[in-house]
Each structure stands twice: as C-alpha cells, then as structure tokens.
Amino acid sequence: MPQPLTTASSPRIVFAGTPEFAAASLAALLAEGLQIVAVYTQPDRPAGRGRNLKPSPVKELALAHDLPVLQPLSLREPAAQAELAALQPTLMIVAAYGLILPAAVLAMPRLGCVNVHASLLPRWRGAAPIERAIEAGDTTTGITIMQMDAGLDTGAILLRRECAILGTDTGGSLRDRLQDLGAKALLAALPGILNATLTGTAQDDTLAIYAAKLRREESLLDWEKPASALARQVRAFNPGNVCQTTAAGEMLRVWMALPVIHASSGAAGEVLQADAAGILVACGEGALLLTELQLSGGKAMTAAQLLNGRARLFTPGSRLG
C-alpha cells in the first residue's frame, strides 16, 4: 500500500520551479495536502508585444493557493540564504527552477534537496534534456527523482520512470507527457524520501551526456545535414526555439517537417517540389518536406495555405537559406 504523505507533524516543504513542467509537480503536492511553506521561482520576465512583466506558471499557481512566493535573483547572496533558513525547511523540492543551488542551500533542509529531472540520468544532464533527446534520435526518455548535490545533475538516483519518445513528438508534446510523469514520480518517491527509507543509487559518470541549453543560432537549418537529422531538429526545437531558414530573403520558421529519404537529387537547400503536400527541399542526404511554416509577421500555417498566397517564394529550383 502507498504510504501517506501527511503525518501529525507535517514536513515543511519548500518548492522551487518556474515553467509549466514545474507547476505540474507543485499542483500534485498541493492536491496531496502537503505543507508548502514557500515557493521559489524566477523573477517575472517581459513577455508579449507590450513586453509587460509576466509571472511564471509556478508563481501563478502559488498565488492562486495563497502561498508565499520568493523571487531572488540568486541564492548565493547571504540575505537570500538567511531568508530560506528562516523557513526551517524539512525538504526542498526543485523542478526546472533555473537557478544554481549553492552548497549552503543544499545543506539547509534536514532531508536535503531533491530534483525532478526530465531524463533518465545520467543521460542528458543539463538544461535541455527533452530537446536533446529528440534531436539525438532517442526512442526512450523519462523522469529521474534525484538527491541533489553540488554537481550538475550528478546526485544519487532515488527513482526513475521511463517514457517512450514517439516519432511524431515535438519538444512541446514530450514535455507535456513528462511533466505529468514527473508529478506522479515525485509523489511515488516522496513517502520514502520523507521517512528516509528511500536509498539513492550513485550515477555512472561514464554514461553521462550533457544536454546543453538551446542557443538561438542553433535554430538555423543547415541544409547540408541529412534530412533525418533536420526533421528531428525541427521537432525537438518546437516550440521553444523554432527552426528557421530564409526564402527569397524573408525569414521562414519551420514548425513541422518530414524526412523523405528517397527523393530527387538537388543542391542543398534547393526547392524540389511545392504543392499541397508540402515544400520539398533537398538536403545533404535525402530531402525535407516542410508541412507547417510561418513567414515573419504572419502566423503558422500549412504549406498548402502558405502557397496560396506566396507560391513565388518556393518555385522549384529556388534556394532556401
């Protein structure tokens, strides 16, 4: 039988996270009636055309439940650490927070700090495990509940749950599944964490792979690459860092694309065909069928919709990029 998560002397839990991925775990904790004494999240960021400050999904959820919200720029400052120490936390739960926890913070809660990480550690340590897994062609990923230490996602593994990566998955669709799995995995691990019966397993550092943060320049499609690699890149970077190229000097965002291995040959970036099925572009190996696109200043649409008004940009023989 599952162990109860609440006791007569409820643990004092501090939660730290920022995006929707983290909000799913916070929501699960709240649904269990756990005592969340404070929520840490990144400072509000400018968003939208007006560039008005927008709170993170975690902050919005915390405020909706009347939880104290703290948004320090860093946890290295003595004042921020003193504020956390005053909360007398039993446990700190971290999910996609975005700030480094220094050693003093890691040692502060009686039961330490645990992390909800979106990969099967030690594979894909770092900032972008979901996107890098799709980009690399992995067929399986998952969630790791990890006891945090001073390294980058190097702590002992407390629990892992696997998740298949579908051939149609984008970064967004896989994240949606993993955030739900992460919440469930956290609740499964929490009783053993709180009563100190869940023993961690050390990671094998020889199997570690680093998931570097997505860089803006990576969104540019290199047509010299194989079509299969470009198709994975398009799916992986959707919607966080949508892939781009140019068509007759206009910026073109590529939201969805399919690899066509056996296609007519052409120079890399050459438009081979443009019809309702999509815009077929030659690559270093095979060709890429662009099926959902967006011109600068416009909205995302199917290739058929785009060709209705802008077919001249994609005449066979023209070049993208």
Protein backbone atom coordinates (compact mmCIF):
# COMPACT_ATOMS: atom_id res chain seq x y z
CA MET A 1 0.00 0.00 0.00
CA PRO A 2 1.21 3.55 -0.71
CA GLN A 3 2.41 5.36 2.38
CA PRO A 4 0.60 8.51 3.49
CA LEU A 5 2.29 11.78 2.57
CA THR A 6 0.96 13.72 5.55
CA THR A 7 1.63 13.00 9.19
CA ALA A 8 0.73 14.54 12.52
CA SER A 9 3.86 16.67 12.24
CA SER A 10 3.74 17.67 8.61
CA PRO A 11 7.09 18.23 6.88
CA ARG A 12 7.88 21.82 5.95
CA ILE A 13 8.41 21.72 2.19
CA VAL A 14 9.92 24.48 0.10
CA PHE A 15 9.25 24.21 -3.64
CA ALA A 16 11.44 25.78 -6.34
CA GLY A 17 10.47 25.83 -10.01
CA THR A 18 9.49 28.11 -12.86
CA PRO A 19 7.77 26.74 -16.04
CA GLU A 20 4.66 24.61 -16.63
CA PHE A 21 6.80 21.49 -16.18
CA ALA A 22 7.42 22.51 -12.57
CA ALA A 23 3.88 23.73 -11.97
CA ALA A 24 2.59 20.18 -12.58
CA SER A 25 4.69 18.89 -9.66
CA LEU A 26 3.61 21.75 -7.40
CA ALA A 27 -0.03 21.07 -8.26
CA ALA A 28 0.43 17.39 -7.33
CA LEU A 29 1.90 18.34 -3.95
CA LEU A 30 -0.96 20.72 -3.26
CA ALA A 31 -3.51 18.07 -4.20
CA GLU A 32 -1.97 15.81 -1.54
CA GLY A 33 -2.46 18.49 1.10
CA LEU A 34 1.25 18.83 1.85
CA GLN A 35 2.51 21.87 3.73
CA ILE A 36 4.28 24.13 1.24
CA VAL A 37 5.84 26.87 3.39
CA ALA A 38 7.22 28.87 0.44
CA VAL A 39 7.62 28.77 -3.32
CA TYR A 40 10.74 29.97 -5.10
CA THR A 41 10.57 30.91 -8.76
CA GLN A 42 12.44 33.05 -11.29
CA PRO A 43 11.75 36.79 -11.38
CA ASP A 44 8.91 37.93 -13.68
CA ARG A 45 10.03 38.33 -17.30
CA PRO A 46 8.87 40.66 -20.10
CA ALA A 47 6.51 38.87 -22.49
CA GLY A 48 4.22 39.59 -25.42
CA ARG A 49 4.20 42.54 -27.77
CA GLY A 50 3.88 45.02 -24.93
CA ARG A 51 6.83 43.40 -23.12
CA ASN A 52 4.91 43.60 -19.86
CA LEU A 53 6.26 41.61 -16.93
CA LYS A 54 4.69 38.16 -16.78
CA PRO A 55 4.80 35.85 -13.74
CA SER A 56 5.94 32.26 -14.20
CA PRO A 57 3.37 29.44 -14.26
CA VAL A 58 4.67 28.34 -10.85
CA LYS A 59 4.14 31.81 -9.39
CA GLU A 60 0.61 32.00 -10.79
CA LEU A 61 -0.25 28.64 -9.22
CA ALA A 62 1.34 29.56 -5.90
CA LEU A 63 -0.54 32.85 -5.68
CA ALA A 64 -3.80 31.11 -6.54
CA HIS A 65 -3.25 28.98 -3.42
CA ASP A 66 -2.10 31.91 -1.23
CA LEU A 67 1.42 30.55 -0.89
CA PRO A 68 4.36 32.85 -0.10
CA VAL A 69 6.40 33.48 -3.27
CA LEU A 70 10.10 34.39 -3.24
CA GLN A 71 11.94 35.50 -6.38
CA PRO A 72 15.61 36.18 -5.60
CA LEU A 73 17.98 36.88 -8.48
CA SER A 74 20.44 34.48 -6.89
CA LEU A 75 20.62 32.09 -3.96
CA ARG A 76 24.30 32.87 -3.42
CA GLU A 77 23.58 36.09 -1.54
CA PRO A 78 23.67 35.87 2.28
CA ALA A 79 20.33 37.68 2.57
CA ALA A 80 18.60 35.13 0.29
CA GLN A 81 20.13 32.25 2.24
CA ALA A 82 19.06 33.75 5.56
CA GLU A 83 15.51 34.09 4.23
CA LEU A 84 15.46 30.42 3.27
CA ALA A 85 16.98 29.30 6.58
CA ALA A 86 14.24 31.19 8.46
CA LEU A 87 11.67 28.92 6.81
CA GLN A 88 13.22 25.92 8.61
CA PRO A 89 12.57 23.57 5.67
CA THR A 90 12.40 19.83 6.09
CA LEU A 91 12.84 19.28 2.35
CA MET A 92 13.34 21.40 -0.76
CA ILE A 93 11.83 20.09 -4.00
CA VAL A 94 13.27 21.53 -7.21
CA ALA A 95 11.87 21.21 -10.74
CA ALA A 96 13.23 23.29 -13.63
CA TYR A 97 13.97 26.20 -11.32
CA GLY A 98 16.73 27.77 -13.39
CA LEU A 99 18.97 28.99 -10.56
CA ILE A 100 22.01 27.22 -9.12
CA LEU A 101 21.64 25.99 -5.55
CA PRO A 102 24.97 26.58 -3.75
CA ALA A 103 26.29 24.11 -1.16
CA ALA A 104 24.93 26.18 1.74
CA VAL A 105 21.40 25.93 0.33
CA LEU A 106 21.70 22.21 -0.48
CA ALA A 107 22.64 21.53 3.15
CA MET A 108 19.91 23.69 4.67
CA PRO A 109 16.84 21.40 4.61
CA ARG A 110 17.01 18.49 7.09
CA LEU A 111 16.35 16.00 4.27
CA GLY A 112 18.30 17.93 1.67
CA CYS A 113 17.08 18.92 -1.79
CA VAL A 114 15.55 16.64 -4.42
CA ASN A 115 15.13 17.35 -8.11
CA VAL A 116 12.54 16.30 -10.70
CA HIS A 117 14.66 15.92 -13.85
CA ALA A 118 13.30 15.24 -17.34
CA SER A 119 15.64 12.46 -18.46
CA LEU A 120 16.89 9.05 -17.41
CA LEU A 121 20.06 10.20 -15.69
CA PRO A 122 22.96 10.10 -16.22
CA ARG A 123 21.92 10.57 -19.85
CA TRP A 124 21.13 14.21 -20.64
CA ARG A 125 22.33 16.11 -17.62
CA GLY A 126 21.78 19.84 -18.04
CA ALA A 127 19.31 22.45 -19.21
CA ALA A 128 17.63 20.95 -22.29
CA PRO A 129 17.20 17.18 -21.78
CA ILE A 130 13.86 16.95 -23.61
CA GLU A 131 15.00 18.70 -26.79
CA ARG A 132 18.38 16.96 -26.89
CA ALA A 133 16.79 13.52 -26.54
CA ILE A 134 14.55 14.10 -29.58
CA GLU A 135 17.34 15.73 -31.55
CA ALA A 136 19.63 12.74 -30.93
CA GLY A 137 17.00 10.25 -32.08
CA ASP A 138 16.48 8.61 -28.68
CA THR A 139 13.43 6.35 -28.52
CA THR A 140 13.13 6.39 -24.73
CA THR A 141 13.48 9.04 -22.05
CA GLY A 142 11.83 9.56 -18.70
CA ILE A 143 11.94 11.18 -15.28
CA THR A 144 14.58 10.89 -12.59
CA ILE A 145 13.94 11.89 -8.99
CA MET A 146 17.42 12.77 -7.78
CA GLN A 147 19.01 13.72 -4.46
CA MET A 148 20.79 16.94 -5.35
CA ASP A 149 24.48 17.51 -4.74
CA ALA A 150 26.96 20.23 -5.75
CA GLY A 151 27.39 18.87 -9.30
CA LEU A 152 25.22 19.46 -12.37
CA ASP A 153 22.55 16.73 -12.15
CA THR A 154 25.11 14.36 -10.66
CA GLY A 155 23.30 13.36 -7.46
CA ALA A 156 22.12 9.91 -6.40
CA ILE A 157 19.12 8.48 -8.26
CA LEU A 158 16.13 7.91 -5.97
CA LEU A 159 13.57 6.81 -8.58
CA ARG A 160 13.24 6.62 -12.38
CA ARG A 161 10.22 6.29 -14.63
CA GLU A 162 10.51 5.63 -18.38
CA CYS A 163 8.59 7.28 -21.21
CA ALA A 164 8.65 6.41 -24.94
CA ILE A 165 9.61 9.11 -27.45
CA LEU A 166 7.22 8.88 -30.38
CA GLY A 167 8.27 9.54 -33.96
CA THR A 168 5.78 12.42 -34.03
CA ASP A 169 6.84 14.01 -30.74
CA THR A 170 7.84 17.66 -30.59
CA GLY A 171 9.66 19.23 -27.68
CA GLY A 172 6.29 20.53 -26.54
CA SER A 173 4.33 17.28 -26.75
CA LEU A 174 7.05 15.29 -24.98
CA ARG A 175 7.32 17.93 -22.27
CA ASP A 176 3.56 17.70 -21.66
CA ARG A 177 3.83 13.95 -21.05
CA LEU A 178 6.96 14.22 -18.95
CA GLN A 179 5.55 16.92 -16.68
CA ASP A 180 2.65 14.62 -15.81
CA LEU A 181 5.01 11.68 -15.34
CA GLY A 182 7.28 13.88 -13.22
CA ALA A 183 4.44 14.77 -10.85
CA LYS A 184 3.49 11.09 -10.48
CA ALA A 185 7.10 10.02 -9.96
CA LEU A 186 7.58 12.69 -7.30
CA LEU A 187 4.54 11.51 -5.35
CA ALA A 188 5.74 7.90 -5.65
CA ALA A 189 9.15 8.77 -4.25
CA LEU A 190 8.06 11.24 -1.58
CA PRO A 191 7.00 8.84 1.21
CA GLY A 192 10.39 7.12 1.12
CA ILE A 193 12.15 10.49 1.00
CA LEU A 194 10.23 11.87 3.97
CA ASN A 195 10.78 8.82 6.17
CA ALA A 196 14.38 8.40 4.95
CA THR A 197 13.85 4.83 3.71
CA LEU A 198 14.47 5.52 0.02
CA THR A 199 18.12 4.84 -0.73
CA GLY A 200 19.80 6.59 -3.62
CA THR A 201 21.93 4.89 -6.27
CA ALA A 202 25.10 6.60 -7.47
CA GLN A 203 25.17 7.60 -11.14
CA ASP A 204 27.66 6.05 -13.54
CA ASP A 205 29.54 9.14 -14.71
CA THR A 206 30.98 7.25 -17.69
CA LEU A 207 27.47 7.17 -19.20
CA ALA A 208 26.81 10.88 -18.71
CA ILE A 209 25.81 13.06 -21.67
CA TYR A 210 25.35 16.82 -21.37
CA ALA A 211 22.16 18.48 -22.63
CA ALA A 212 23.37 21.98 -23.48
CA LYS A 213 20.94 24.88 -23.30
CA LEU A 214 19.38 25.71 -26.67
CA ARG A 215 21.13 28.57 -28.44
CA ARG A 216 19.29 30.92 -30.78
CA GLU A 217 21.78 30.31 -33.59
CA GLU A 218 21.01 26.57 -33.47
CA SER A 219 17.56 27.28 -34.88
CA LEU A 220 19.01 27.98 -38.35
CA LEU A 221 18.64 24.94 -40.58
CA ASP A 222 21.83 23.69 -42.22
CA TRP A 223 20.65 22.11 -45.48
CA GLU A 224 23.93 20.22 -45.83
CA LYS A 225 22.80 17.92 -43.00
CA PRO A 226 20.81 14.73 -43.65
CA ALA A 227 17.05 15.15 -43.88
CA SER A 228 16.52 12.73 -40.98
CA ALA A 229 18.66 14.88 -38.66
CA LEU A 230 16.91 18.08 -39.73
CA ALA A 231 13.47 16.53 -39.17
CA ARG A 232 14.47 15.59 -35.61
CA GLN A 233 15.83 19.10 -35.05
CA VAL A 234 12.58 20.68 -36.24
CA ARG A 235 10.53 18.51 -33.88
CA ALA A 236 12.90 18.95 -30.95
CA PHE A 237 13.00 22.75 -31.14
CA ASN A 238 9.21 23.13 -31.49
CA PRO A 239 8.01 25.30 -29.74
CA GLY A 240 10.93 26.61 -27.68
CA ASN A 241 13.45 27.54 -30.37
CA VAL A 242 11.57 27.04 -33.65
CA CYS A 243 13.83 26.23 -36.59
CA GLN A 244 14.37 28.88 -39.26
CA THR A 245 15.65 29.40 -42.78
CA THR A 246 15.14 32.11 -45.42
CA ALA A 247 13.09 32.16 -48.61
CA ALA A 248 13.98 34.93 -51.10
CA GLY A 249 15.45 36.89 -48.21
CA GLU A 250 12.38 36.50 -45.97
CA MET A 251 12.71 34.72 -42.63
CA LEU A 252 10.79 31.45 -42.63
CA ARG A 253 10.06 29.46 -39.47
CA VAL A 254 9.63 25.72 -39.89
CA TRP A 255 7.26 24.23 -37.32
CA MET A 256 6.87 20.74 -38.75
CA ALA A 257 8.71 18.72 -41.39
CA LEU A 258 9.13 15.13 -42.53
CA PRO A 259 12.22 13.39 -43.92
CA VAL A 260 11.98 11.95 -47.42
CA ILE A 261 14.90 9.57 -47.81
CA HIS A 262 14.38 8.62 -51.46
CA ALA A 263 13.91 11.94 -53.24
CA SER A 264 15.08 13.61 -56.42
CA SER A 265 18.59 14.97 -56.04
CA GLY A 266 19.36 18.65 -55.92
CA ALA A 267 21.72 21.16 -54.35
CA ALA A 268 21.37 21.50 -50.58
CA GLY A 269 18.54 23.95 -49.88
CA GLU A 270 17.05 23.66 -53.37
CA VAL A 271 13.25 23.53 -53.61
CA LEU A 272 12.45 20.32 -55.48
CA GLN A 273 8.68 20.47 -55.34
CA ALA A 274 5.97 22.69 -53.83
CA ASP A 275 2.35 21.57 -53.63
CA ALA A 276 -0.46 20.93 -51.14
CA ALA A 277 1.54 18.08 -49.57
CA GLY A 278 4.38 20.41 -48.62
CA ILE A 279 7.54 22.07 -49.82
CA LEU A 280 10.24 19.52 -50.60
CA VAL A 281 13.79 20.77 -50.05
CA ALA A 282 17.00 18.95 -50.94
CA CYS A 283 19.39 18.16 -48.09
CA GLY A 284 22.86 16.70 -47.74
CA GLU A 285 21.13 13.32 -47.72
CA GLY A 286 17.53 12.92 -48.86
CA ALA A 287 15.06 15.79 -48.71
CA LEU A 288 12.90 17.52 -46.12
CA LEU A 289 9.18 18.02 -46.66
CA LEU A 290 8.13 21.25 -44.93
CA THR A 291 4.49 20.91 -43.86
CA GLU A 292 3.87 23.72 -41.35
CA LEU A 293 5.55 27.11 -41.77
CA GLN A 294 5.43 30.74 -40.73
CA LEU A 295 6.70 33.82 -42.54
CA SER A 296 7.94 36.76 -40.49
CA GLY A 297 5.00 38.79 -39.22
CA GLY A 298 2.49 36.08 -40.12
CA LYS A 299 1.00 33.12 -38.34
CA ALA A 300 1.88 29.45 -38.57
CA MET A 301 0.02 27.66 -41.36
CA THR A 302 0.12 24.57 -43.52
CA ALA A 303 2.28 24.56 -46.63
CA ALA A 304 -0.90 24.47 -48.76
CA GLN A 305 -2.19 27.65 -47.08
CA LEU A 306 1.15 29.41 -47.46
CA LEU A 307 1.45 28.51 -51.13
CA ASN A 308 -1.97 30.01 -51.84
CA GLY A 309 -0.55 33.49 -51.40
CA ARG A 310 3.24 33.16 -51.55
CA ALA A 311 3.98 30.40 -54.05
CA ARG A 312 6.54 32.61 -55.83
CA LEU A 313 8.90 32.15 -52.86
CA PHE A 314 9.03 28.41 -53.41
CA THR A 315 9.32 27.79 -57.14
CA PRO A 316 11.20 24.58 -57.93
CA GLY A 317 14.87 25.37 -58.44
CA SER A 318 14.89 28.28 -55.94
CA ARG A 319 17.07 28.00 -52.85
CA LEU A 320 16.28 28.30 -49.16
CA GLY A 321 18.81 29.51 -46.66
